[in-house]
Protein backbone atom coordinates (compact mmCIF):
# COMPACT_ATOMS: atom_id res chain seq x y z
CA MET A 1 90.51 130.31 119.80
CA SER A 2 94.08 130.83 120.85
CA ARG A 3 93.73 128.06 123.40
CA ARG A 4 92.60 125.63 120.71
CA ARG A 5 95.56 126.61 118.58
CA HIS A 6 97.86 126.08 121.54
CA ILE A 7 96.45 122.59 122.18
CA ALA A 8 96.72 121.71 118.48
CA ALA A 9 100.35 122.86 118.44
CA LEU A 10 101.11 120.70 121.47
CA LEU A 11 99.52 117.68 119.77
CA LEU A 12 101.52 118.25 116.60
CA ALA A 13 104.73 118.56 118.58
CA ALA A 14 103.98 115.34 120.47
CA LEU A 15 103.25 113.54 117.21
CA ALA A 16 106.48 114.78 115.66
CA ALA A 17 108.45 113.69 118.69
CA GLY A 18 106.86 110.24 118.53
CA CYS A 19 107.75 109.82 114.87
CA SER A 20 111.34 110.86 115.44
CA SER A 21 111.70 108.22 118.16
CA LEU A 22 110.66 105.39 115.84
CA PRO A 23 113.53 103.00 114.98
CA ASP A 24 115.13 103.22 111.54
CA LYS A 25 114.15 100.70 108.91
CA PRO A 26 116.27 97.54 109.22
CA VAL A 27 119.34 97.49 107.01
CA ARG A 28 119.11 94.89 104.21
CA GLU A 29 121.71 92.14 104.46
CA VAL A 30 124.11 91.99 101.52
CA MET A 31 125.40 88.65 100.21
CA TYR A 32 128.76 88.35 98.41
CA ASP A 33 130.78 85.84 96.44
CA PHE A 34 134.04 86.04 94.45
CA GLY A 35 132.37 87.14 91.23
CA PRO A 36 133.15 85.65 87.81
CA LEU A 37 136.67 84.44 87.13
CA ALA A 38 138.58 86.88 84.95
CA ALA A 39 139.78 85.68 81.58
CA ALA A 40 143.37 84.42 81.50
CA ALA A 41 145.92 86.87 80.12
CA THR A 42 147.49 84.08 78.04
CA PRO A 43 146.04 80.75 76.89
CA ALA A 44 146.63 77.98 79.40
CA ALA A 45 148.73 74.98 78.49
CA GLU A 46 146.62 71.91 77.79
CA GLY A 47 147.21 68.27 78.64
CA GLY A 48 148.27 68.63 82.27
CA ALA A 49 148.14 65.54 84.47
CA PRO A 50 144.76 64.92 86.17
CA LEU A 51 144.42 65.90 89.81
CA VAL A 52 141.94 65.00 92.54
CA LEU A 53 140.76 67.97 94.61
CA GLY A 54 138.72 67.13 97.68
CA ASN A 55 136.72 69.47 99.85
CA VAL A 56 138.69 72.38 101.28
CA ASN A 57 138.90 71.92 105.04
CA ALA A 58 138.53 75.07 107.11
CA SER A 59 139.04 76.00 110.74
CA ALA A 60 135.92 76.11 112.92
CA SER A 61 135.61 79.91 112.70
CA LEU A 62 135.40 79.68 108.89
CA GLU A 63 132.66 77.06 108.68
CA THR A 64 129.92 79.71 108.46
CA PRO A 65 129.18 82.33 105.75
CA ALA A 66 130.12 85.16 108.14
CA LEU A 67 132.31 87.90 106.66
CA LEU A 68 135.04 88.28 109.28
CA TYR A 69 137.46 91.08 110.09
CA ARG A 70 140.16 91.87 112.65
CA LEU A 71 141.12 95.21 114.16
CA GLY A 72 144.89 94.95 113.99
CA TYR A 73 145.35 98.28 115.75
CA ALA A 74 143.13 97.22 118.70
CA ASP A 75 142.99 93.44 119.19
CA VAL A 76 144.24 91.41 116.23
CA HIS A 77 143.36 88.15 118.02
CA GLN A 78 139.61 88.84 117.93
CA LEU A 79 137.55 87.84 114.92
CA ARG A 80 134.50 90.04 114.37
CA PRO A 81 131.62 89.41 111.92
CA TYR A 82 130.00 92.14 109.86
CA ALA A 83 126.37 92.54 110.96
CA PHE A 84 124.76 93.00 107.54
CA ALA A 85 127.18 91.32 105.12
CA ARG A 86 127.91 87.65 104.53
CA TRP A 87 129.29 85.23 101.95
CA SER A 88 126.95 83.20 99.76
CA ALA A 89 128.62 80.04 101.16
CA PRO A 90 131.32 79.26 103.75
CA PRO A 91 134.74 80.52 102.57
CA GLY A 92 136.09 76.99 102.15
CA GLU A 93 133.41 76.20 99.56
CA LEU A 94 134.05 79.45 97.67
CA LEU A 95 137.80 78.81 97.64
CA GLU A 96 137.31 75.23 96.46
CA GLN A 97 135.20 76.43 93.54
CA ARG A 98 137.82 79.04 92.64
CA LEU A 99 140.63 76.48 92.80
CA ARG A 100 138.74 74.14 90.48
CA GLU A 101 138.25 76.97 87.99
CA HIS A 102 141.91 78.03 88.06
CA LEU A 103 143.44 74.55 88.06
CA GLY A 104 140.97 73.33 85.46
CA ARG A 105 142.40 75.74 82.91
CA ASN A 106 145.35 73.45 82.22
CA ARG A 107 144.45 70.03 83.64
CA PRO A 108 141.45 67.79 84.45
CA VAL A 109 140.39 68.37 88.06
CA LEU A 110 138.41 65.48 89.55
CA GLY A 111 136.31 65.22 92.67
CA ALA A 112 137.06 62.72 95.42
CA ALA A 113 134.20 60.45 94.32
CA THR A 114 135.47 60.31 90.73
CA GLY A 115 138.99 59.51 91.91
CA ALA A 116 137.67 56.68 94.10
CA ALA A 117 135.66 55.31 91.17
CA LEU A 118 138.81 55.21 89.04
CA ALA A 119 140.61 53.26 91.75
CA ARG A 120 137.76 50.73 92.03
CA ARG A 121 137.83 50.16 88.29
CA GLY A 122 141.54 49.41 88.30
CA GLY A 123 142.63 52.73 86.89
CA VAL A 124 145.56 54.78 88.09
CA LEU A 125 144.52 57.14 90.86
CA PRO A 126 145.73 60.68 90.11
CA PRO A 127 147.62 62.65 92.78
CA VAL A 128 145.39 64.13 95.47
CA LEU A 129 145.54 67.78 96.53
CA ARG A 130 144.37 68.45 100.07
CA VAL A 131 143.79 72.07 101.04
CA GLU A 132 143.31 73.48 104.54
CA LEU A 133 142.05 77.05 104.89
CA GLU A 134 143.66 78.55 107.99
CA GLU A 135 143.00 82.30 107.64
CA PHE A 136 140.43 84.21 105.65
CA SER A 137 139.73 87.67 107.04
CA GLN A 138 139.93 91.41 106.46
CA VAL A 139 142.60 92.92 108.72
CA PHE A 140 142.37 96.63 109.60
CA ASP A 141 145.76 98.20 110.24
CA SER A 142 143.99 101.49 110.98
CA PRO A 143 140.35 102.64 110.77
CA ALA A 144 140.97 103.76 107.18
CA SER A 145 143.30 101.01 105.92
CA SER A 146 142.72 97.27 105.61
CA ARG A 147 143.81 94.22 103.65
CA GLY A 148 142.48 90.78 102.83
CA VAL A 149 144.54 87.89 104.22
CA VAL A 150 144.24 84.32 102.93
CA ARG A 151 146.39 81.49 104.29
CA VAL A 152 146.12 77.94 103.01
CA ARG A 153 148.18 74.80 103.55
CA CYS A 154 148.39 72.46 100.57
CA THR A 155 149.45 68.81 100.63
CA VAL A 156 149.94 66.61 97.56
CA LEU A 157 149.67 62.85 98.07
CA GLU A 158 150.29 60.04 95.59
CA SER A 159 148.73 56.61 95.94
CA THR A 160 151.18 53.70 95.83
CA PRO A 161 150.82 49.96 96.55
CA ALA A 162 152.49 50.62 99.90
CA GLY A 163 150.09 53.47 100.78
CA ASP A 164 149.98 57.21 100.30
CA ARG A 165 153.27 58.94 99.54
CA LEU A 166 153.86 62.58 100.42
CA VAL A 167 154.80 64.44 97.25
CA GLY A 168 154.94 67.94 98.68
CA GLN A 169 153.49 70.34 101.21
CA ARG A 170 153.50 74.13 101.36
CA THR A 171 151.71 76.98 103.11
CA PHE A 172 150.65 79.98 101.04
CA THR A 173 149.94 83.35 102.67
CA ILE A 174 148.54 85.97 100.32
CA GLU A 175 147.53 89.56 101.11
CA ARG A 176 145.79 92.13 98.95
CA PRO A 177 144.86 95.73 99.91
CA ALA A 178 141.19 96.58 100.33
CA PRO A 179 139.99 99.46 98.11
CA ALA A 180 137.67 100.69 100.89
CA PRO A 181 137.58 100.21 104.69
CA ASP A 182 134.24 98.39 104.69
CA ALA A 183 132.65 95.03 103.91
CA ALA A 184 132.59 95.61 100.15
CA GLY A 185 136.28 96.53 100.20
CA GLY A 186 137.09 93.43 102.25
CA VAL A 187 135.25 91.21 99.79
CA ARG A 188 137.26 92.57 96.87
CA ALA A 189 140.53 92.17 98.73
CA LEU A 190 139.75 88.59 99.77
CA ALA A 191 138.58 87.64 96.29
CA ALA A 192 141.79 89.04 94.80
CA ALA A 193 143.91 87.25 97.41
CA SER A 194 142.08 83.97 96.68
CA ASP A 195 142.73 84.31 92.94
CA ALA A 196 146.40 85.04 93.61
CA ALA A 197 146.63 82.03 95.93
CA ALA A 198 145.06 79.78 93.29
CA GLN A 199 147.60 80.98 90.72
CA GLU A 200 150.52 80.34 93.06
CA ILE A 201 149.18 76.89 93.95
CA SER A 202 148.83 76.06 90.25
CA ALA A 203 152.44 77.10 89.58
CA TRP A 204 153.64 75.09 92.59
CA LEU A 205 151.77 71.99 91.45
CA ALA A 206 153.44 72.17 88.06
CA GLN A 207 156.80 71.76 89.82
CA GLN A 208 155.79 68.67 91.80
CA ARG A 209 156.85 65.25 90.59
């Protein structure tokens, strides 16, 4: 009887060992965007001049929905993707949508196709804003501290009978601290930095003539 108990105990131990060696359930991938645009603190001025906003051009590393980070304390030149977190669209598309929302609060914002249609019909083509997204990543200054960094270069062009005229060009670099040293914290920091960049771009555009 004792031998049977011994054999049963060995079988139970082997079964337990086998279960413990099974891989964990796969982690579910989480998808992020910028969230809804917060209401403006003060009513926006109406009647601003129309503006054409084309697609935001992004560097090759930002043409995918990967959520990227850099370890500034180890190798700041290396971009690393989070394994189980990504954007709902490439960052350039998310930033373009946010810019349209911000700029559209005080002026008509047209797409490139609409602007071209106006030109074909003999209308006055509004100024064109071209945006290049150069940096969009979460930078860790230490394992417990990180920030979202957004860098964009904006160019305003005006159509004239002699061709396009450069109205102005400026690079905006915006940083916002991440509330947590993880993907969710990076998303919040980058969303806040994008909103701040859109506000600064809107103020800059108002000064262009």
